[in-house]
Structures are given as structure tokens and as C-alpha cells.
């Protein structure tokens, strides 16, 4: 049962990751359209790739930041209830 739930969670994370990357590509291509309406296919493709890859970098940075915060929280000593 737990293995099946873990597999479903991994599938969901994979789908969400791919969705985020596609959104990054679409946003970058849309931004290029607004900046340069006459942009050719090569520029649009490069913008889409940059958005796709850029989203992965941003997600990694967010994960690193959250892991650092969690590690800092784990290292703090637990409050002493007897002093209250």
C-alpha cells in the first residue's frame, strides 16, 4: 500500500515538474512575442528552451533554500518545557 502511494506521489511530482517546465517555456515565448513581435522561429525556439531550462534552475534554487531552512530548523534545540 505504501509503495503504491509513493509511486503515485512520484508520478504526481514528475507531472507537476513537467507542467512547470512547459509553463516556463510558454511564458518565455510569450514574453519574446511582446518584446519582438517579428521574432522568427529560431528566436522563439531559443526563448522556449531558455524558459524550460530556467524553470528547472529556479526550482532547484527554491528546493535548496527550503532544505537549508529545514536543516536550520532541525539544528535548533527544542524548547525546554520545564522552564515555563
PDB file of N, CA and C in Angstrom:
ATOM      1  N   UNK A   1       0.823  -1.194   0.000  1.00  0.00           N
ATOM      2  CA  UNK A   1       0.000   0.000   0.000  1.00  0.00           C
ATOM      3  C   UNK A   1       0.864   1.255   0.000  1.00  0.00           C
ATOM      4  N   UNK A   2       1.862   1.303   0.898  1.00  0.00           N
ATOM      5  CA  UNK A   2       2.719   2.490   0.985  1.00  0.00           C
ATOM      6  C   UNK A   2       3.544   2.641  -0.287  1.00  0.00           C
ATOM      7  N   UNK A   3       3.961   1.535  -0.866  1.00  0.00           N
ATOM      8  CA  UNK A   3       4.741   1.583  -2.109  1.00  0.00           C
ATOM      9  C   UNK A   3       3.906   2.169  -3.234  1.00  0.00           C
ATOM     10  N   UNK A   4       2.632   1.784  -3.291  1.00  0.00           N
ATOM     11  CA  UNK A   4       1.732   2.322  -4.320  1.00  0.00           C
ATOM     12  C   UNK A   4       1.524   3.822  -4.130  1.00  0.00           C
ATOM     13  N   UNK A   5       1.360   4.271  -2.899  1.00  0.00           N
ATOM     14  CA  UNK A   5       1.200   5.694  -2.618  1.00  0.00           C
ATOM     15  C   UNK A   5       2.466   6.456  -2.974  1.00  0.00           C
ATOM     16  N   UNK A   6       3.620   5.883  -2.682  1.00  0.00           N
ATOM     17  CA  UNK A   6       4.893   6.507  -3.007  1.00  0.00           C
ATOM     18  C   UNK A   6       5.048   6.631  -4.520  1.00  0.00           C
ATOM     19  N   UNK A   7       4.662   5.615  -5.242  1.00  0.00           N
ATOM     20  CA  UNK A   7       4.734   5.636  -6.700  1.00  0.00           C
ATOM     21  C   UNK A   7       3.809   6.711  -7.267  1.00  0.00           C
ATOM     22  N   UNK A   8       2.595   6.823  -6.699  1.00  0.00           N
ATOM     23  CA  UNK A   8       1.649   7.846  -7.149  1.00  0.00           C
ATOM     24  C   UNK A   8       2.191   9.244  -6.867  1.00  0.00           C
ATOM     25  N   UNK A   9       2.830   9.420  -5.718  1.00  0.00           N
ATOM     26  CA  UNK A   9       3.415  10.709  -5.372  1.00  0.00           C
ATOM     27  C   UNK A   9       4.544  11.061  -6.338  1.00  0.00           C
ATOM     28  N   UNK A  10       5.381  10.084  -6.674  1.00  0.00           N
ATOM     29  CA  UNK A  10       6.461  10.319  -7.632  1.00  0.00           C
ATOM     30  C   UNK A  10       5.897  10.681  -9.004  1.00  0.00           C
ATOM     31  N   UNK A  11       4.837  10.007  -9.427  1.00  0.00           N
ATOM     32  CA  UNK A  11       4.208  10.317 -10.711  1.00  0.00           C
ATOM     33  C   UNK A  11       3.641  11.732 -10.698  1.00  0.00           C
ATOM     34  N   UNK A  12       3.018  12.118  -9.602  1.00  0.00           N
ATOM     35  CA  UNK A  12       2.460  13.459  -9.479  1.00  0.00           C
ATOM     36  C   UNK A  12       3.569  14.508  -9.524  1.00  0.00           C
ATOM     37  N   UNK A  13       4.671  14.263  -8.804  1.00  0.00           N
ATOM     38  CA  UNK A  13       5.790  15.199  -8.811  1.00  0.00           C
ATOM     39  C   UNK A  13       6.390  15.321 -10.206  1.00  0.00           C
ATOM     40  N   UNK A  14       6.486  14.222 -10.915  1.00  0.00           N
ATOM     41  CA  UNK A  14       7.019  14.244 -12.272  1.00  0.00           C
ATOM     42  C   UNK A  14       6.106  15.043 -13.188  1.00  0.00           C
ATOM     43  N   UNK A  15       4.814  14.813 -13.087  1.00  0.00           N
ATOM     44  CA  UNK A  15       3.851  15.553 -13.916  1.00  0.00           C
ATOM     45  C   UNK A  15       3.880  17.042 -13.593  1.00  0.00           C
ATOM     46  N   UNK A  16       3.932  17.378 -12.323  1.00  0.00           N
ATOM     47  CA  UNK A  16       3.973  18.788 -11.931  1.00  0.00           C
ATOM     48  C   UNK A  16       5.265  19.432 -12.396  1.00  0.00           C
ATOM     49  N   UNK A  17       6.381  18.715 -12.313  1.00  0.00           N
ATOM     50  CA  UNK A  17       7.652  19.249 -12.786  1.00  0.00           C
ATOM     51  C   UNK A  17       7.609  19.529 -14.274  1.00  0.00           C
ATOM     52  N   UNK A  18       7.058  18.599 -15.029  1.00  0.00           N
ATOM     53  CA  UNK A  18       6.948  18.784 -16.474  1.00  0.00           C
ATOM     54  C   UNK A  18       6.002  19.932 -16.792  1.00  0.00           C
ATOM     55  N   UNK A  19       4.906  20.026 -16.062  1.00  0.00           N
ATOM     56  CA  UNK A  19       3.959  21.116 -16.270  1.00  0.00           C
ATOM     57  C   UNK A  19       4.633  22.464 -16.012  1.00  0.00           C
ATOM     58  N   UNK A  20       5.406  22.556 -14.933  1.00  0.00           N
ATOM     59  CA  UNK A  20       6.116  23.793 -14.630  1.00  0.00           C
ATOM     60  C   UNK A  20       7.097  24.155 -15.733  1.00  0.00           C
ATOM     61  N   UNK A  21       7.796  23.171 -16.272  1.00  0.00           N
ATOM     62  CA  UNK A  21       8.764  23.427 -17.334  1.00  0.00           C
ATOM     63  C   UNK A  21       8.069  23.901 -18.607  1.00  0.00           C
ATOM     64  N   UNK A  22       6.938  23.301 -18.926  1.00  0.00           N
ATOM     65  CA  UNK A  22       6.178  23.725 -20.106  1.00  0.00           C
ATOM     66  C   UNK A  22       5.669  25.152 -19.903  1.00  0.00           C
ATOM     67  N   UNK A  23       5.185  25.449 -18.707  1.00  0.00           N
ATOM     68  CA  UNK A  23       4.725  26.806 -18.412  1.00  0.00           C
ATOM     69  C   UNK A  23       5.877  27.789 -18.565  1.00  0.00           C
ATOM     70  N   UNK A  24       7.065  27.432 -18.093  1.00  0.00           N
ATOM     71  CA  UNK A  24       8.231  28.293 -18.245  1.00  0.00           C
ATOM     72  C   UNK A  24       8.539  28.571 -19.702  1.00  0.00           C
ATOM     73  N   UNK A  25       8.437  27.534 -20.541  1.00  0.00           N
ATOM     74  CA  UNK A  25       8.692  27.700 -21.974  1.00  0.00           C
ATOM     75  C   UNK A  25       7.648  28.611 -22.613  1.00  0.00           C
ATOM     76  N   UNK A  26       6.395  28.415 -22.259  1.00  0.00           N
ATOM     77  CA  UNK A  26       5.313  29.230 -22.846  1.00  0.00           C
ATOM     78  C   UNK A  26       5.440  30.684 -22.403  1.00  0.00           C
ATOM     79  N   UNK A  27       5.747  30.913 -21.139  1.00  0.00           N
ATOM     80  CA  UNK A  27       5.889  32.279 -20.638  1.00  0.00           C
ATOM     81  C   UNK A  27       7.050  32.981 -21.340  1.00  0.00           C
ATOM     82  N   UNK A  28       8.159  32.288 -21.502  1.00  0.00           N
ATOM     83  CA  UNK A  28       9.312  32.899 -22.171  1.00  0.00           C
ATOM     84  C   UNK A  28       8.996  33.228 -23.628  1.00  0.00           C
ATOM     85  N   UNK A  29       8.314  32.338 -24.306  1.00  0.00           N
ATOM     86  CA  UNK A  29       7.961  32.583 -25.712  1.00  0.00           C
ATOM     87  C   UNK A  29       6.954  33.731 -25.829  1.00  0.00           C
ATOM     88  N   UNK A  30       6.020  33.816 -24.901  1.00  0.00           N
ATOM     89  CA  UNK A  30       5.043  34.903 -24.902  1.00  0.00           C
ATOM     90  C   UNK A  30       5.731  36.242 -24.622  1.00  0.00           C
ATOM     91  N   UNK A  31       6.681  36.230 -23.694  1.00  0.00           N
ATOM     92  CA  UNK A  31       7.426  37.462 -23.395  1.00  0.00           C
ATOM     93  C   UNK A  31       8.208  37.918 -24.620  1.00  0.00           C
ATOM     94  N   UNK A  32       8.799  36.982 -25.345  1.00  0.00           N
ATOM     95  CA  UNK A  32       9.519  37.334 -26.568  1.00  0.00           C
ATOM     96  C   UNK A  32       8.569  37.938 -27.594  1.00  0.00           C
ATOM     97  N   UNK A  33       7.378  37.380 -27.721  1.00  0.00           N
ATOM     98  CA  UNK A  33       6.386  37.929 -28.655  1.00  0.00           C
ATOM     99  C   UNK A  33       6.051  39.380 -28.323  1.00  0.00           C
ATOM    100  N   UNK A  34       5.970  39.686 -27.034  1.00  0.00           N
ATOM    101  CA  UNK A  34       5.644  41.056 -26.630  1.00  0.00           C
ATOM    102  C   UNK A  34       6.823  41.998 -26.887  1.00  0.00           C
ATOM    103  N   UNK A  35       8.044  41.505 -26.680  1.00  0.00           N
ATOM    104  CA  UNK A  35       9.223  42.339 -26.899  1.00  0.00           C
ATOM    105  C   UNK A  35       9.566  42.495 -28.374  1.00  0.00           C
ATOM    106  N   UNK A  36       9.407  41.410 -29.119  1.00  0.00           N
ATOM    107  CA  UNK A  36       9.782  41.415 -30.533  1.00  0.00           C
ATOM    108  C   UNK A  36       8.717  40.653 -31.323  1.00  0.00           C
ATOM    109  N   UNK A  37       7.633  41.348 -31.708  1.00  0.00           N
ATOM    110  CA  UNK A  37       6.536  40.672 -32.414  1.00  0.00           C
ATOM    111  C   UNK A  37       6.972  40.019 -33.729  1.00  0.00           C
ATOM    112  N   UNK A  38       8.045  40.487 -34.320  1.00  0.00           N
ATOM    113  CA  UNK A  38       8.501  39.910 -35.573  1.00  0.00           C
ATOM    114  C   UNK A  38       9.559  38.835 -35.402  1.00  0.00           C
ATOM    115  N   UNK A  39       9.695  38.313 -34.202  1.00  0.00           N
ATOM    116  CA  UNK A  39      10.722  37.297 -33.939  1.00  0.00           C
ATOM    117  C   UNK A  39      10.459  36.054 -34.776  1.00  0.00           C
ATOM    118  N   UNK A  40      11.535  35.498 -35.271  1.00  0.00           N
ATOM    119  CA  UNK A  40      11.418  34.301 -36.099  1.00  0.00           C
ATOM    120  C   UNK A  40      11.330  33.034 -35.271  1.00  0.00           C
ATOM    121  N   UNK A  41      11.224  31.933 -35.975  1.00  0.00           N
ATOM    122  CA  UNK A  41      11.084  30.631 -35.338  1.00  0.00           C
ATOM    123  C   UNK A  41      12.296  30.291 -34.476  1.00  0.00           C
ATOM    124  N   UNK A  42      13.492  30.645 -34.943  1.00  0.00           N
ATOM    125  CA  UNK A  42      14.706  30.342 -34.183  1.00  0.00           C
ATOM    126  C   UNK A  42      14.702  31.074 -32.841  1.00  0.00           C
ATOM    127  N   UNK A  43      14.375  32.360 -32.854  1.00  0.00           N
ATOM    128  CA  UNK A  43      14.324  33.121 -31.597  1.00  0.00           C
ATOM    129  C   UNK A  43      13.255  32.573 -30.664  1.00  0.00           C
ATOM    130  N   UNK A  44      12.101  32.226 -31.211  1.00  0.00           N
ATOM    131  CA  UNK A  44      11.029  31.678 -30.379  1.00  0.00           C
ATOM    132  C   UNK A  44      11.438  30.333 -29.777  1.00  0.00           C
ATOM    133  N   UNK A  45      12.110  29.522 -30.567  1.00  0.00           N
ATOM    134  CA  UNK A  45      12.592  28.231 -30.056  1.00  0.00           C
ATOM    135  C   UNK A  45      13.626  28.420 -28.965  1.00  0.00           C
ATOM    136  N   UNK A  46      14.528  29.369 -29.173  1.00  0.00           N
ATOM    137  CA  UNK A  46      15.544  29.638 -28.153  1.00  0.00           C
ATOM    138  C   UNK A  46      14.903  30.162 -26.869  1.00  0.00           C
ATOM    139  N   UNK A  47      13.895  31.010 -26.995  1.00  0.00           N
ATOM    140  CA  UNK A  47      13.193  31.524 -25.814  1.00  0.00           C
ATOM    141  C   UNK A  47      12.486  30.390 -25.072  1.00  0.00           C
ATOM    142  N   UNK A  48      11.869  29.495 -25.826  1.00  0.00           N
ATOM    143  CA  UNK A  48      11.162  28.370 -25.189  1.00  0.00           C
ATOM    144  C   UNK A  48      12.141  27.474 -24.440  1.00  0.00           C
ATOM    145  N   UNK A  49      13.283  27.201 -25.049  1.00  0.00           N
ATOM    146  CA  UNK A  49      14.295  26.370 -24.383  1.00  0.00           C
ATOM    147  C   UNK A  49      14.820  27.075 -23.140  1.00  0.00           C
ATOM    148  N   UNK A  50      15.076  28.374 -23.253  1.00  0.00           N
ATOM    149  CA  UNK A  50      15.560  29.129 -22.098  1.00  0.00           C
ATOM    150  C   UNK A  50      14.537  29.114 -20.964  1.00  0.00           C
ATOM    151  N   UNK A  51      13.273  29.269 -21.287  1.00  0.00           N
ATOM    152  CA  UNK A  51      12.227  29.219 -20.263  1.00  0.00           C
ATOM    153  C   UNK A  51      12.117  27.845 -19.633  1.00  0.00           C
ATOM    154  N   UNK A  52      12.226  26.808 -20.465  1.00  0.00           N
ATOM    155  CA  UNK A  52      12.154  25.422 -19.990  1.00  0.00           C
ATOM    156  C   UNK A  52      13.303  25.142 -19.026  1.00  0.00           C
ATOM    157  N   UNK A  53      14.522  25.494 -19.423  1.00  0.00           N
ATOM    158  CA  UNK A  53      15.697  25.241 -18.580  1.00  0.00           C
ATOM    159  C   UNK A  53      15.731  26.179 -17.380  1.00  0.00           C
ATOM    160  N   UNK A  54      15.314  27.429 -17.582  1.00  0.00           N
ATOM    161  CA  UNK A  54      15.317  28.393 -16.490  1.00  0.00           C
ATOM    162  C   UNK A  54      14.398  27.986 -15.358  1.00  0.00           C
ATOM    163  N   UNK A  55      13.276  27.397 -15.686  1.00  0.00           N
ATOM    164  CA  UNK A  55      12.339  26.955 -14.650  1.00  0.00           C
ATOM    165  C   UNK A  55      12.981  25.878 -13.795  1.00  0.00           C
ATOM    166  N   UNK A  56      13.745  24.985 -14.412  1.00  0.00           N
ATOM    167  CA  UNK A  56      14.416  23.928 -13.643  1.00  0.00           C
ATOM    168  C   UNK A  56      15.424  24.531 -12.662  1.00  0.00           C
ATOM    169  N   UNK A  57      16.163  25.544 -13.108  1.00  0.00           N
ATOM    170  CA  UNK A  57      17.146  26.191 -12.238  1.00  0.00           C
ATOM    171  C   UNK A  57      16.452  26.875 -11.065  1.00  0.00           C
ATOM    172  N   UNK A  58      15.370  27.572 -11.352  1.00  0.00           N
ATOM    173  CA  UNK A  58      14.627  28.250 -10.288  1.00  0.00           C
ATOM    174  C   UNK A  58      14.085  27.237  -9.286  1.00  0.00           C
ATOM    175  N   UNK A  59      13.547  26.137  -9.783  1.00  0.00           N
ATOM    176  CA  UNK A  59      13.014  25.107  -8.890  1.00  0.00           C
ATOM    177  C   UNK A  59      14.110  24.509  -8.020  1.00  0.00           C
ATOM    178  N   UNK A  60      15.295  24.280  -8.582  1.00  0.00           N
ATOM    179  CA  UNK A  60      16.421  23.758  -7.803  1.00  0.00           C
ATOM    180  C   UNK A  60      16.826  24.739  -6.711  1.00  0.00           C
ATOM    181  N   UNK A  61      16.872  26.032  -7.034  1.00  0.00           N
ATOM    182  CA  UNK A  61      17.238  27.050  -6.043  1.00  0.00           C
ATOM    183  C   UNK A  61      16.213  27.104  -4.911  1.00  0.00           C
ATOM    184  N   UNK A  62      14.944  27.005  -5.252  1.00  0.00           N
ATOM    185  CA  UNK A  62      13.896  27.001  -4.225  1.00  0.00           C
ATOM    186  C   UNK A  62      14.044  25.776  -3.330  1.00  0.00           C
ATOM    187  N   UNK A  63      14.293  24.607  -3.925  1.00  0.00           N
ATOM    188  CA  UNK A  63      14.482  23.381  -3.146  1.00  0.00           C
ATOM    189  C   UNK A  63      15.687  23.495  -2.220  1.00  0.00           C
ATOM    190  N   UNK A  64      16.798  24.079  -2.726  1.00  0.00           N
ATOM    191  CA  UNK A  64      17.989  24.264  -1.892  1.00  0.00           C
ATOM    192  C   UNK A  64      17.685  25.181  -0.715  1.00  0.00           C
ATOM    193  N   UNK A  65      16.951  26.251  -0.980  1.00  0.00           N
ATOM    194  CA  UNK A  65      16.596  27.204   0.075  1.00  0.00           C
ATOM    195  C   UNK A  65      15.709  26.541   1.127  1.00  0.00           C
ATOM    196  N   UNK A  66      14.729  25.773   0.678  1.00  0.00           N
ATOM    197  CA  UNK A  66      13.840  25.088   1.621  1.00  0.00           C
ATOM    198  C   UNK A  66      14.604  24.048   2.429  1.00  0.00           C
ATOM    199  N   UNK A  67      15.542  23.350   1.797  1.00  0.00           N
ATOM    200  CA  UNK A  67      16.341  22.352   2.522  1.00  0.00           C
ATOM    201  C   UNK A  67      17.219  23.023   3.563  1.00  0.00           C
ATOM    202  N   UNK A  68      17.791  24.181   3.226  1.00  0.00           N
ATOM    203  CA  UNK A  68      18.623  24.907   4.185  1.00  0.00           C
ATOM    204  C   UNK A  68      17.790  25.387   5.367  1.00  0.00           C
ATOM    205  N   UNK A  69      16.594  25.888   5.098  1.00  0.00           N
ATOM    206  CA  UNK A  69      15.710  26.320   6.182  1.00  0.00           C
ATOM    207  C   UNK A  69      15.330  25.144   7.073  1.00  0.00           C
ATOM    208  N   UNK A  70      15.029  24.011   6.459  1.00  0.00           N
ATOM    209  CA  UNK A  70      14.653  22.826   7.231  1.00  0.00           C
ATOM    210  C   UNK A  70      15.825  22.345   8.077  1.00  0.00           C
ATOM    211  N   UNK A  71      17.020  22.368   7.503  1.00  0.00           N
ATOM    212  CA  UNK A  71      18.206  21.941   8.240  1.00  0.00           C
ATOM    213  C   UNK A  71      18.465  22.876   9.420  1.00  0.00           C
ATOM    214  N   UNK A  72      18.299  24.163   9.216  1.00  0.00           N
ATOM    215  CA  UNK A  72      18.485  25.122  10.298  1.00  0.00           C
ATOM    216  C   UNK A  72      17.446  24.900  11.396  1.00  0.00           C
ATOM    217  N   UNK A  73      16.221  24.619  11.011  1.00  0.00           N
ATOM    218  CA  UNK A  73      15.163  24.366  11.992  1.00  0.00           C
ATOM    219  C   UNK A  73      15.432  23.076  12.766  1.00  0.00           C
ATOM    220  N   UNK A  74      15.979  22.080  12.080  1.00  0.00           N
ATOM    221  CA  UNK A  74      16.280  20.810  12.738  1.00  0.00           C
ATOM    222  C   UNK A  74      17.436  20.945  13.722  1.00  0.00           C
ATOM    223  N   UNK A  75      18.343  21.884  13.478  1.00  0.00           N
ATOM    224  CA  UNK A  75      19.522  22.042  14.335  1.00  0.00           C
ATOM    225  C   UNK A  75      19.236  22.877  15.569  1.00  0.00           C
ATOM    226  N   UNK A  76      18.140  23.622  15.573  1.00  0.00           N
ATOM    227  CA  UNK A  76      17.796  24.421  16.738  1.00  0.00           C
ATOM    228  C   UNK A  76      17.384  23.508  17.876  1.00  0.00           C
ATOM    229  N   UNK A  77      17.843  23.796  19.081  1.00  0.00           N
ATOM    230  CA  UNK A  77      17.451  22.941  20.215  1.00  0.00           C
ATOM    231  C   UNK A  77      15.971  23.104  20.525  1.00  0.00           C
ATOM    232  N   UNK A  78      15.389  22.032  20.971  1.00  0.00           N
ATOM    233  CA  UNK A  78      13.966  22.053  21.328  1.00  0.00           C
ATOM    234  C   UNK A  78      13.779  22.912  22.570  1.00  0.00           C
ATOM    235  N   UNK A  79      12.695  23.673  22.637  1.00  0.00           N
ATOM    236  CA  UNK A  79      12.452  24.495  23.823  1.00  0.00           C
ATOM    237  C   UNK A  79      12.263  23.627  25.060  1.00  0.00           C
ATOM    238  N   UNK A  80      12.815  24.085  26.154  1.00  0.00           N
ATOM    239  CA  UNK A  80      12.743  23.340  27.420  1.00  0.00           C
ATOM    240  C   UNK A  80      11.433  23.673  28.111  1.00  0.00           C
ATOM    241  N   UNK A  81      10.530  22.713  28.203  1.00  0.00           N
ATOM    242  CA  UNK A  81       9.209  22.940  28.786  1.00  0.00           C
ATOM    243  C   UNK A  81       9.260  23.139  30.297  1.00  0.00           C
ATOM    244  N   UNK A  82      10.343  22.698  30.958  1.00  0.00           N
ATOM    245  CA  UNK A  82      10.403  22.810  32.412  1.00  0.00           C
ATOM    246  C   UNK A  82      10.683  24.233  32.890  1.00  0.00           C
ATOM    247  N   UNK A  83      11.131  25.115  31.996  1.00  0.00           N
ATOM    248  CA  UNK A  83      11.432  26.484  32.372  1.00  0.00           C
ATOM    249  C   UNK A  83      10.206  27.384  32.315  1.00  0.00           C
ATOM    250  N   UNK A  84       9.086  26.916  31.856  1.00  0.00           N
ATOM    251  CA  UNK A  84       7.879  27.745  31.736  1.00  0.00           C
ATOM    252  C   UNK A  84       7.219  27.972  33.038  1.00  0.00           C
TER     253      UNK A  84
END
